Protein backbone atom coordinates (compact mmCIF):
# COMPACT_ATOMS: atom_id res chain seq x y z
CA MET A 1 0.00 0.00 0.00
CA ALA A 2 1.24 3.52 -0.79
CA LEU A 3 2.37 5.48 2.27
CA PHE A 4 -0.29 8.17 2.07
CA ASP A 5 -3.03 5.64 1.42
CA GLU A 6 -1.90 3.95 4.64
CA ILE A 7 -1.93 7.25 6.52
CA PHE A 8 -5.37 8.04 5.08
CA ASP A 9 -6.75 4.74 6.37
CA ILE A 10 -5.24 5.24 9.83
CA ALA A 11 -5.85 8.97 10.35
CA LYS A 12 -9.55 8.84 11.12
CA THR A 13 -9.17 11.19 14.09
CA ARG A 14 -6.71 13.78 15.35
CA ASP A 15 -5.43 11.37 18.01
CA SER A 16 -4.91 8.48 15.58
CA LEU A 17 -2.93 10.73 13.21
CA ASP A 18 -0.87 12.11 16.10
CA GLU A 19 -0.12 8.58 17.30
CA TYR A 20 0.94 7.51 13.81
CA LEU A 21 3.26 10.48 13.39
CA LYS A 22 4.80 9.96 16.81
CA TYR A 23 6.00 6.48 15.86
CA HIS A 24 6.49 6.71 12.09
CA MET A 25 8.33 9.93 11.26
CA ALA A 26 11.39 7.91 10.22
CA ASP A 27 9.25 6.20 7.56
CA ILE A 28 7.80 9.53 6.44
CA ASN A 29 11.30 11.01 6.17
CA ASP A 30 12.43 7.99 4.17
CA PHE A 31 9.58 8.61 1.75
CA TYR A 32 10.20 12.37 1.65
CA ASN A 33 13.84 11.80 0.61
CA SER A 34 13.13 8.88 -1.72
CA PRO A 35 13.70 9.01 -5.50
CA TYR A 36 11.52 11.48 -7.37
CA GLU A 37 9.64 8.74 -9.26
CA ASN A 38 8.51 7.24 -5.94
CA LEU A 39 7.05 10.61 -4.95
CA ARG A 40 5.31 11.12 -8.29
CA HIS A 41 3.43 7.83 -7.89
CA GLU A 42 1.76 9.19 -4.74
CA ILE A 43 0.71 12.64 -5.98
CA ASP A 44 -2.97 11.72 -6.07
CA SER A 45 -2.81 10.05 -2.65
CA ILE A 46 -1.10 13.09 -1.10
CA GLU A 47 -3.68 15.47 -2.54
CA ARG A 48 -6.58 13.23 -1.47
CA PHE A 49 -5.20 12.92 2.06
CA ILE A 50 -4.88 16.68 2.50
CA LEU A 51 -8.21 17.72 1.00
CA LYS A 52 -10.21 14.98 2.74
CA ASN A 53 -8.58 15.57 6.15
CA ARG A 54 -8.62 19.35 6.47
CA GLN A 55 -10.31 19.36 9.84
CA ILE A 56 -8.06 16.70 11.31
CA LEU A 57 -4.95 18.54 10.11
CA ARG A 58 -6.26 21.82 11.54
CA SER A 59 -6.85 20.24 14.93
CA LEU A 60 -3.42 18.61 15.39
CA SER A 61 -1.29 19.79 18.29
CA TYR A 62 1.52 21.68 16.56
CA ASP A 63 3.60 22.26 19.68
CA LYS A 64 5.20 18.91 18.75
CA THR A 65 8.03 19.02 16.22
CA TYR A 66 6.82 15.87 14.47
CA ALA A 67 3.45 17.50 13.72
CA ARG A 68 5.10 20.69 12.43
CA SER A 69 7.58 18.69 10.41
CA PHE A 70 4.81 16.61 8.85
CA LEU A 71 2.85 19.72 7.84
CA LEU A 72 5.99 21.29 6.31
CA ILE A 73 6.69 18.09 4.38
CA LEU A 74 3.13 18.21 3.05
CA LEU A 75 3.64 21.84 1.97
CA ASP A 76 6.90 21.00 0.22
CA LEU A 77 5.35 18.10 -1.67
CA CYS A 78 2.35 20.26 -2.66
CA THR A 79 4.50 23.09 -4.02
CA ARG A 80 6.87 20.66 -5.72
CA PHE A 81 3.99 19.14 -7.71
CA ASN A 82 1.90 22.32 -8.05
CA LEU A 83 -1.07 20.95 -6.09
CA LEU A 84 -2.73 24.34 -5.83
CA ALA A 85 -5.78 23.56 -3.69
CA ALA A 86 -3.78 21.35 -1.34
CA THR A 87 -1.05 23.99 -1.08
CA SER A 88 -3.60 26.61 -0.06
CA THR A 89 -5.10 24.24 2.52
CA VAL A 90 -1.76 23.47 4.16
CA HIS A 91 -0.65 27.11 4.04
CA GLN A 92 -3.79 28.29 5.80
CA ILE A 93 -3.25 25.72 8.56
CA MET A 94 0.31 27.00 8.97
CA ILE A 95 -0.95 30.57 9.27
CA GLN A 96 -3.57 29.46 11.80
CA HIS A 97 -0.94 27.83 14.00
CA ASN A 98 1.88 30.36 13.42
CA ILE A 99 4.18 27.78 11.81
CA PRO A 100 6.96 29.42 9.78
CA CYS A 101 8.35 27.78 6.66
CA ASN A 102 11.85 27.92 5.25
CA LYS A 103 12.96 30.32 2.54
CA ARG A 104 12.59 27.90 -0.37
CA MET A 105 8.98 27.13 0.52
CA SER A 106 8.35 30.85 1.07
CA ALA A 107 9.59 31.45 -2.47
CA ALA A 108 7.17 28.83 -3.79
CA LEU A 109 4.25 30.33 -1.88
CA ALA A 110 5.07 33.74 -3.38
CA TYR A 111 3.66 32.63 -6.74
CA ILE A 112 1.17 29.99 -5.58
CA ASP A 113 -0.69 31.14 -2.47
CA PRO A 114 -2.10 33.68 -2.53
CA LYS A 115 -2.04 33.61 -6.30
CA PRO A 116 -0.81 36.90 -7.81
CA SER A 117 -3.75 39.13 -8.68
CA SER A 118 -2.25 40.31 -11.98
CA ASN A 119 0.37 39.36 -14.55
CA ASP A 120 2.46 42.32 -13.46
CA GLU A 121 2.50 40.94 -9.93
CA TYR A 122 3.92 37.63 -11.19
CA ILE A 123 6.86 39.53 -12.70
CA ASN A 124 7.26 41.95 -9.79
CA ARG A 125 7.87 39.04 -7.41
CA PHE A 126 10.94 37.91 -9.39
CA THR A 127 13.49 39.68 -7.17
CA SER A 128 11.98 38.58 -3.85
CA ILE A 129 11.67 34.99 -5.08
CA CYS A 130 15.27 34.95 -6.27
CA ASN A 131 16.52 36.49 -3.02
CA LEU A 132 14.71 33.83 -1.01
CA LEU A 133 16.08 31.00 -3.15
CA GLU A 134 19.63 32.34 -3.06
CA SER A 135 19.46 32.59 0.74
CA ALA A 136 17.94 29.11 0.96
CA ILE A 137 20.81 27.62 -1.03
CA GLN A 138 23.41 29.41 1.09
CA GLU A 139 21.82 28.91 4.51
CA GLU A 140 19.27 26.07 4.53
CA GLU A 141 19.42 23.56 1.69
CA ASP A 142 21.71 20.54 1.44
CA SER A 143 21.93 21.15 -2.32
CA SER A 144 20.67 23.72 -4.82
CA THR A 145 18.52 21.24 -6.76
CA ASN A 146 15.18 21.76 -5.01
CA SER A 147 15.59 25.54 -5.10
CA ILE A 148 16.29 25.45 -8.83
CA ALA A 149 13.20 23.25 -9.31
CA THR A 150 11.16 25.83 -7.36
CA PHE A 151 12.38 28.58 -9.69
CA LEU A 152 11.56 26.49 -12.77
CA ASN A 153 8.04 25.91 -11.42
CA TYR A 154 7.72 29.70 -11.04
CA LEU A 155 8.84 30.17 -14.64
CA GLY A 156 6.48 27.42 -15.80
CA THR A 157 3.56 29.08 -14.01
CA ILE A 158 4.22 32.36 -15.83
CA VAL A 159 4.49 30.56 -19.17
CA GLN A 160 1.20 28.78 -18.55
CA ASP A 161 -0.86 31.56 -16.93
CA THR A 162 0.22 34.84 -18.59
CA ASN A 163 0.94 35.87 -22.19
CA ASP A 164 3.78 36.64 -24.60
CA ILE A 165 4.47 40.09 -23.15
CA TYR A 166 5.07 38.76 -19.63
CA ILE A 167 6.92 35.65 -20.77
CA LYS A 168 9.31 37.94 -22.64
CA ARG A 169 9.71 40.14 -19.55
CA ILE A 170 10.55 37.23 -17.24
CA LYS A 171 13.07 35.86 -19.74
CA GLU A 172 14.71 39.28 -19.94
CA GLN A 173 14.95 39.45 -16.15
CA ILE A 174 16.54 36.00 -16.02
CA GLN A 175 19.04 36.91 -18.73
CA SER A 176 19.89 40.19 -17.01
CA ALA A 177 20.43 38.45 -13.66
CA SER A 178 22.56 35.85 -15.43
CA SER A 179 24.74 38.46 -17.16
CA SER A 180 25.28 40.41 -13.95
CA ALA A 181 25.81 37.27 -11.83
CA THR A 182 23.27 38.63 -9.36
CA TYR A 183 22.29 35.13 -8.25
CA GLN A 184 24.60 32.12 -8.37
CA PHE A 185 21.83 29.62 -9.09
CA ILE A 186 20.43 31.48 -12.11
CA ASN A 187 23.10 30.11 -14.47
CA HIS A 188 22.20 26.49 -13.80
CA PRO A 189 21.95 24.50 -17.07
CA ALA A 190 18.33 23.57 -16.35
CA ILE A 191 17.31 27.24 -16.16
CA ILE A 192 19.31 28.13 -19.28
CA ALA A 193 17.58 25.29 -21.14
CA ALA A 194 14.15 26.41 -19.93
CA ILE A 195 14.41 30.00 -21.17
CA GLN A 196 15.46 28.75 -24.61
CA ILE A 197 12.17 26.89 -25.09
CA ASP A 198 9.90 28.22 -27.82
CA THR A 199 6.86 29.59 -25.96
CA SER A 200 4.64 30.34 -28.97
CA ASP A 201 2.61 27.30 -27.88
CA GLN A 202 2.32 28.05 -24.16
CA GLU A 203 0.74 24.75 -23.14
CA ARG A 204 3.47 22.78 -24.92
CA ALA A 205 6.20 25.05 -23.49
CA SER A 206 4.84 24.63 -19.96
CA ALA A 207 4.93 20.84 -20.40
CA GLN A 208 8.54 21.06 -21.61
CA ILE A 209 9.55 23.05 -18.53
CA GLN A 210 7.87 20.44 -16.35
CA THR A 211 9.91 17.76 -18.15
CA ILE A 212 13.09 19.68 -17.26
CA VAL A 213 11.93 19.81 -13.62
CA ASP A 214 11.19 16.08 -13.67
CA ASP A 215 14.60 15.30 -15.14
CA LEU A 216 16.35 17.59 -12.65
CA LEU A 217 14.69 16.06 -9.59
CA GLY A 218 14.73 12.55 -11.02
CA ASN A 219 18.50 12.61 -11.28
CA VAL A 220 19.09 13.64 -7.66
CA HIS A 221 19.01 10.15 -6.22
CA SER A 222 21.54 8.81 -8.71
CA ASP A 223 23.91 11.62 -7.77
CA LEU A 224 23.76 10.47 -4.16
CA GLU A 225 24.57 6.85 -4.83
CA SER A 226 27.70 5.61 -3.11
CA ASN A 227 31.02 5.31 -4.88
CA TYR A 228 33.09 4.35 -1.86
CA LYS A 229 36.11 2.09 -2.12
CA ASP A 230 36.68 -0.86 0.16
CA THR A 231 39.93 0.37 1.69
CA PRO A 232 42.08 -0.69 4.65
CA SER A 233 42.55 1.59 7.64
CA LEU A 234 43.11 5.13 6.37
CA ILE A 235 45.30 7.81 7.95
CA GLU A 236 47.05 10.91 6.66
CA ASP A 237 50.65 10.23 7.53
CA THR A 238 53.45 11.69 5.39
CA THR A 239 52.11 15.13 4.39
CA ASP A 240 53.44 18.50 5.50
CA TYR A 241 50.14 19.04 7.31
CA ALA A 242 50.61 15.79 9.28
CA GLU A 243 54.09 16.82 10.38
CA GLU A 244 52.85 20.25 11.46
CA ILE A 245 49.92 18.84 13.43
CA ARG A 246 52.08 16.30 15.23
CA CYS A 247 54.37 19.12 16.34
CA ILE A 248 51.39 21.05 17.71
CA GLY A 249 49.98 18.14 19.69
CA PRO A 250 46.46 17.63 21.08
CA HIS A 251 45.19 21.22 21.10
CA TYR A 252 42.02 21.84 19.07
CA LYS A 253 42.35 25.62 18.94
CA LEU A 254 45.89 25.43 17.55
CA ILE A 255 45.02 22.60 15.14
CA ARG A 256 42.13 24.62 13.74
CA LYS A 257 44.38 27.69 13.39
CA VAL A 258 46.53 25.78 10.90
CA SER A 259 43.49 25.43 8.63
CA VAL A 260 42.51 29.07 9.20
CA ASP A 261 45.97 30.20 8.12
CA LYS A 262 46.01 27.91 5.07
CA SER A 263 42.47 28.68 3.85
CA ASN A 264 42.20 31.09 0.94
CA GLY A 265 38.45 31.61 1.41
CA GLU A 266 37.63 30.39 -2.11
CA ALA A 267 36.74 26.72 -1.58
CA LYS A 268 33.05 25.84 -1.42
CA THR A 269 31.62 23.73 1.39
CA ASN A 270 27.85 23.99 0.63
CA ARG A 271 26.85 24.97 4.17
CA GLY A 272 29.10 22.23 5.51
CA VAL A 273 26.93 19.33 4.32
CA ALA A 274 28.71 18.47 1.04
CA ILE A 275 31.22 15.62 0.93
CA LEU A 276 34.65 17.24 1.10
CA GLU A 277 36.76 16.40 -1.93
CA ASN A 278 40.09 18.25 -1.62
CA GLU A 279 42.44 19.82 0.89
CA ALA A 280 41.26 23.38 0.19
CA GLU A 281 37.75 22.35 1.24
CA LEU A 282 39.13 20.75 4.42
CA TYR A 283 40.81 24.02 5.38
CA GLU A 284 37.75 26.12 4.54
CA TYR A 285 35.40 23.86 6.52
CA MET A 286 37.54 24.09 9.65
CA LYS A 287 37.81 27.86 9.27
CA ARG A 288 34.09 28.50 8.69
CA PHE A 289 32.47 25.89 10.93
CA GLY A 290 35.11 24.67 13.38
CA ASN A 291 34.24 27.01 16.24
CA MET A 292 30.45 26.58 15.97
CA HIS A 293 30.91 22.81 15.67
CA LYS A 294 33.06 22.67 18.81
CA ALA A 295 30.79 24.97 20.80
CA LYS A 296 27.72 22.77 20.20
CA LEU A 297 29.68 19.67 21.19
CA ASP A 298 31.08 21.31 24.32
CA SER A 299 27.57 22.26 25.40
CA ALA A 300 26.29 18.72 24.79
CA LEU A 301 29.12 17.20 26.82
CA GLN A 302 28.50 19.36 29.87
CA SER A 303 27.13 17.87 33.10
CA PRO A 304 24.93 15.85 33.60
CA PHE A 305 26.66 13.94 30.81
CA PRO A 306 29.07 11.46 32.51
CA GLN A 307 32.34 13.16 33.31
CA LYS A 308 34.44 10.00 33.41
CA TRP A 309 34.38 6.27 32.69
CA ASP A 310 36.14 3.67 34.80
CA GLN A 311 35.42 0.93 32.26
CA PRO A 312 36.66 0.60 28.64
CA ILE A 313 34.61 2.47 26.05
CA ASN A 314 34.31 2.40 22.27
CA LEU A 315 33.92 5.81 20.61
CA TYR A 316 32.05 6.11 17.28
CA ASP A 317 32.18 9.30 15.23
CA TRP A 318 29.36 9.15 12.65
CA GLY A 319 29.86 11.28 9.54
CA CYS A 320 33.09 12.31 11.19
CA GLY A 321 34.42 14.69 8.54
CA GLN A 322 37.83 15.69 9.87
CA GLY A 323 37.09 14.20 13.29
CA ILE A 324 36.02 17.35 15.12
CA ALA A 325 33.64 15.46 17.43
CA SER A 326 36.35 12.94 18.34
CA MET A 327 38.85 15.73 18.95
CA VAL A 328 36.45 17.61 21.24
CA PHE A 329 35.60 14.45 23.15
CA LEU A 330 39.24 13.40 23.53
CA GLU A 331 40.31 16.90 24.58
CA LYS A 332 37.69 16.90 27.33
CA TYR A 333 38.16 13.29 28.48
CA GLN A 334 41.92 12.97 28.32
CA THR A 335 41.95 10.16 30.88
CA ALA A 336 39.01 8.28 29.40
CA ASN A 337 39.53 4.52 29.23
CA ILE A 338 39.12 4.34 25.45
CA ASN A 339 39.37 0.94 23.84
CA ARG A 340 38.82 1.96 20.19
CA VAL A 341 37.82 4.94 18.05
CA THR A 342 35.75 4.16 14.94
CA LEU A 343 35.43 6.85 12.29
CA ILE A 344 32.60 6.70 9.70
CA GLU A 345 32.76 9.05 6.71
CA PRO A 346 32.34 8.76 2.89
CA SER A 347 35.12 11.24 2.04
CA GLU A 348 38.47 9.45 1.88
CA ILE A 349 40.51 12.65 2.25
CA ALA A 350 38.44 13.79 5.25
CA ILE A 351 38.46 10.46 7.09
CA SER A 352 42.22 10.14 6.60
CA ARG A 353 42.68 13.53 8.21
CA ALA A 354 40.28 12.58 11.01
CA ALA A 355 42.39 9.51 11.77
CA LEU A 356 45.49 11.74 11.89
CA HIS A 357 43.78 14.11 14.33
CA VAL A 358 42.68 11.24 16.60
CA SER A 359 46.18 9.74 16.55
CA VAL A 360 47.61 13.04 17.76
CA TYR A 361 45.29 12.93 20.78
CA ARG A 362 45.62 9.23 21.57
CA PRO A 363 48.47 7.58 19.63
CA GLU A 364 48.10 4.33 21.57
CA VAL A 365 44.41 3.76 20.77
CA GLU A 366 43.19 1.57 17.92
CA ILE A 367 41.61 3.67 15.15
CA ARG A 368 39.23 2.08 12.66
CA THR A 369 38.06 3.87 9.53
CA VAL A 370 34.85 2.99 7.70
CA CYS A 371 34.80 4.98 4.45
CA LYS A 372 31.11 4.65 3.58
CA LYS A 373 27.87 6.59 3.49
CA LEU A 374 25.39 5.83 6.26
CA ASP A 375 23.07 3.89 3.94
CA ASP A 376 25.92 1.56 2.91
CA LEU A 377 26.72 0.48 6.47
CA ASP A 378 25.80 -2.87 7.97
CA PRO A 379 26.59 -4.54 11.32
CA THR A 380 29.66 -6.32 9.90
CA ASP A 381 31.36 -2.92 9.57
CA PHE A 382 31.58 -2.68 13.35
CA ASN A 383 33.51 -4.64 15.94
CA SER A 384 32.04 -3.72 19.29
CA SER A 385 34.14 -6.20 21.28
CA GLY A 386 36.56 -5.06 23.94
CA ALA A 387 34.09 -2.76 25.69
CA ASP A 388 30.53 -2.87 26.96
CA THR A 389 30.05 0.90 26.75
CA HIS A 390 29.67 2.69 23.42
CA ILE A 391 29.60 6.43 22.86
CA HIS A 392 28.08 7.60 19.57
CA MET A 393 28.88 11.11 18.37
CA PHE A 394 26.34 12.29 15.78
CA ALA A 395 27.63 15.78 15.12
CA ASN A 396 26.02 17.73 12.24
CA ILE A 397 24.93 14.53 10.48
CA LEU A 398 21.42 13.50 11.60
CA ASP A 399 19.81 16.62 10.11
CA ILE A 400 21.04 16.08 6.54
CA ASP A 401 18.89 14.60 3.77
CA ASP A 402 21.34 12.05 2.40
CA TYR A 403 20.47 8.96 4.46
CA SER A 404 17.59 6.73 5.44
CA PRO A 405 16.60 7.18 9.11
CA SER A 406 15.00 3.74 9.26
CA HIS A 407 18.16 2.07 7.93
CA LEU A 408 20.28 3.81 10.57
CA LEU A 409 17.87 2.84 13.36
CA GLU A 410 17.89 -0.77 12.20
CA LEU A 411 21.69 -0.71 12.35
CA MET A 412 21.57 0.69 15.88
CA ASP A 413 19.24 -2.13 16.94
CA LYS A 414 21.40 -4.91 15.50
CA ALA A 415 24.83 -3.78 16.69
CA PHE A 416 26.43 -2.34 19.85
CA PRO A 417 25.28 -4.55 22.75
CA GLY A 418 25.70 -3.00 26.19
CA VAL A 419 25.36 0.60 27.33
CA ASN A 420 25.06 3.16 24.54
CA TYR A 421 25.39 6.93 24.93
CA PHE A 422 24.22 9.16 22.06
CA VAL A 423 25.48 12.73 21.65
CA CYS A 424 23.50 14.35 18.82
CA THR A 425 24.09 17.93 17.69
CA SER A 426 23.26 20.10 14.70
CA PRO A 427 22.40 23.68 13.81
CA TYR A 428 18.69 24.50 13.89
CA ILE A 429 17.76 24.98 10.21
CA ASP A 430 14.02 24.31 10.24
CA ASP A 431 11.45 22.00 11.84
CA ILE A 432 11.88 19.29 9.19
CA LYS A 433 15.59 18.92 9.91
CA ALA A 434 15.15 19.32 13.67
CA GLU A 435 12.58 16.53 13.65
CA ARG A 436 15.19 14.14 12.22
CA LEU A 437 17.12 14.48 15.50
CA ASN A 438 13.96 14.35 17.59
CA SER A 439 12.56 11.28 15.87
CA PHE A 440 15.95 9.53 16.16
CA MET A 441 15.87 9.99 19.94
CA ARG A 442 12.15 9.28 20.19
CA TYR A 443 12.65 5.88 18.53
CA PHE A 444 14.82 4.73 21.45
CA GLN A 445 12.48 6.32 23.95
CA ASN A 446 9.56 4.36 22.48
CA ASN A 447 11.37 1.04 22.08
CA TYR A 448 13.80 0.72 25.00
CA ASP A 449 12.66 0.65 28.64
CA SER A 450 16.21 1.56 29.63
CA PHE A 451 16.05 4.91 27.81
CA VAL A 452 17.29 7.91 29.81
CA GLU A 453 17.33 11.44 28.43
CA ILE A 454 20.42 13.23 29.75
CA SER A 455 20.06 16.71 28.28
CA ARG A 456 18.58 18.72 25.44
CA ALA A 457 18.86 22.25 24.08
CA THR A 458 17.20 24.12 21.21
CA ASN A 459 18.16 27.62 20.05
CA GLN A 460 17.06 29.18 16.79
CA LYS A 461 18.78 31.94 14.85
CA ILE A 462 15.79 34.26 14.68
CA PRO A 463 14.73 37.42 16.56
CA GLY A 464 12.89 36.55 19.74
CA ALA A 465 14.48 33.10 20.10
CA ILE A 466 16.40 32.25 23.25
CA PHE A 467 20.00 33.38 22.73
CA TRP A 468 22.80 30.82 23.09
CA SER A 469 26.09 32.11 21.66
CA CYS A 470 27.63 34.02 18.78
CA ASN A 471 30.97 34.69 17.12
CA ASN A 472 31.80 37.53 19.50
CA MET A 473 30.94 35.72 22.72
CA TYR A 474 32.77 32.54 21.67
CA LYS A 475 35.93 34.56 21.11
CA GLY A 476 35.57 36.20 24.52
CA ASN A 477 34.48 39.57 23.17
CA PRO A 478 31.47 41.56 24.41
CA CYS A 479 28.20 41.31 22.49
CA ASP A 480 25.57 43.73 23.74
CA THR A 481 23.15 43.29 20.85
CA HIS A 482 21.94 39.74 21.43
CA ASN A 483 19.50 40.70 24.18
CA ASP A 484 18.04 43.62 22.25
CA ASN A 485 15.56 42.67 19.52
CA ALA A 486 16.04 46.09 17.95
CA LEU A 487 19.75 45.36 17.61
CA PHE A 488 19.49 41.71 16.64
CA CYS A 489 22.89 40.01 16.70
CA MET A 490 23.51 38.84 13.12
CA ASN A 491 26.36 36.57 14.24
CA ARG A 492 24.31 34.48 16.66
CA TRP A 493 24.48 30.70 16.42
CA SER A 494 21.72 28.13 16.49
CA ARG A 495 21.84 24.64 17.93
CA ILE A 496 19.81 21.55 18.62
CA THR A 497 21.35 19.00 20.99
CA ARG A 498 19.87 15.71 22.18
CA VAL A 499 21.87 13.54 24.59
CA PHE A 500 20.56 10.22 25.91
CA CYS A 501 21.51 6.63 26.70
CA ILE A 502 20.08 3.12 26.54
CA GLU A 503 21.17 -0.33 27.64
CA LYS A 504 20.51 -3.48 25.65
């Protein structure tokens, strides 16, 4: 049965829908991030579910992140497939419950709901839509693909609903923005191809633009397929960087400074979620995100998290990148009785550097490297022997789109017998991404009687949100603006941390 047909059959009341969402958000996230063709097959079911269950959706308790996340997923699917009536329904529920949406969805709503009242208004929204999409790509999205698809849907709507005069005007605006490099995304090949379509037959041209959108989104999943190599233990060993780091020793601040000094500021890191491919990107990542990354981890490792272990422990750094989480942990727990450090990361250059960093902190400890994406892992990749206590560092990894939550949870169930501590951190991007951390923790809470929540924190980067930290404060400098909404601190940081343990 299709997912939304199943939800339709179950969600007969507000309570039954709430109960389903509470236990099945991992499945919904799997569907949401599944190949485009899978989503297309359920368009009718999604629309039917929304339009037939307006009252139930309106009555949900949206103080829960899983309910907000579900509604935002519905909005995204509606705007992606131009389900106009369903989009309006979901948007009105969001307004009713004061649920904000991210910048990409806001851009989509700008030309869908409320529908522009004139052809001029369609064109006049070009700049605001582009600004929202550019910000989304830079600040929120794991890739530019969905934002580009949103822009193409905007273009397709103008081609379908206006006339030659306005189609010509929007093409001229796109070409002008392209020539002036006003927006980075505007020169994407899919957009260039779309504005070259002959629009004398508007219905045919609109269908051709939709084909470009389908091809763009349909190719996303293939781009994410794994190309890892089955390699032995990896470690950066004979480079100039390795020699310099070994001379510095186990000091995070000084190790990061090496990258800061070597970074030229030109390498792209795609908000820190892209797989790092070269040394310039390694330097730039540490420079741009190293302090924020460490600060979130430090806050998660504060009391009441255990301050020492008398028994051997295995440390796992999931999506380790350059091993920042391991470095922060090892710097704090210098006397920890560590049996083994296991690094998991699909980038060979990053995981090799992570192994180097760990070796500088604890040269005597066994280091295992698993150069794979999360979805390629299975229990045979892990040797949990030698310790009955396992510490899992999920730093800036659970909120990304590129993995199946249900696959990861199944892996957690099958491996790692004994006591398991989970330290989960990420920036707060939006409710959909935050829910990926929440639903990960909630799975263990629902399925293990031994579950104990140790700590949690949530801070958003918006005016009125509870302030946590910022660039100035982290560096020990005064910051008087963060408590004054009129002088909103533009350098403030966001975080979501969830720390808990189970025994099995």
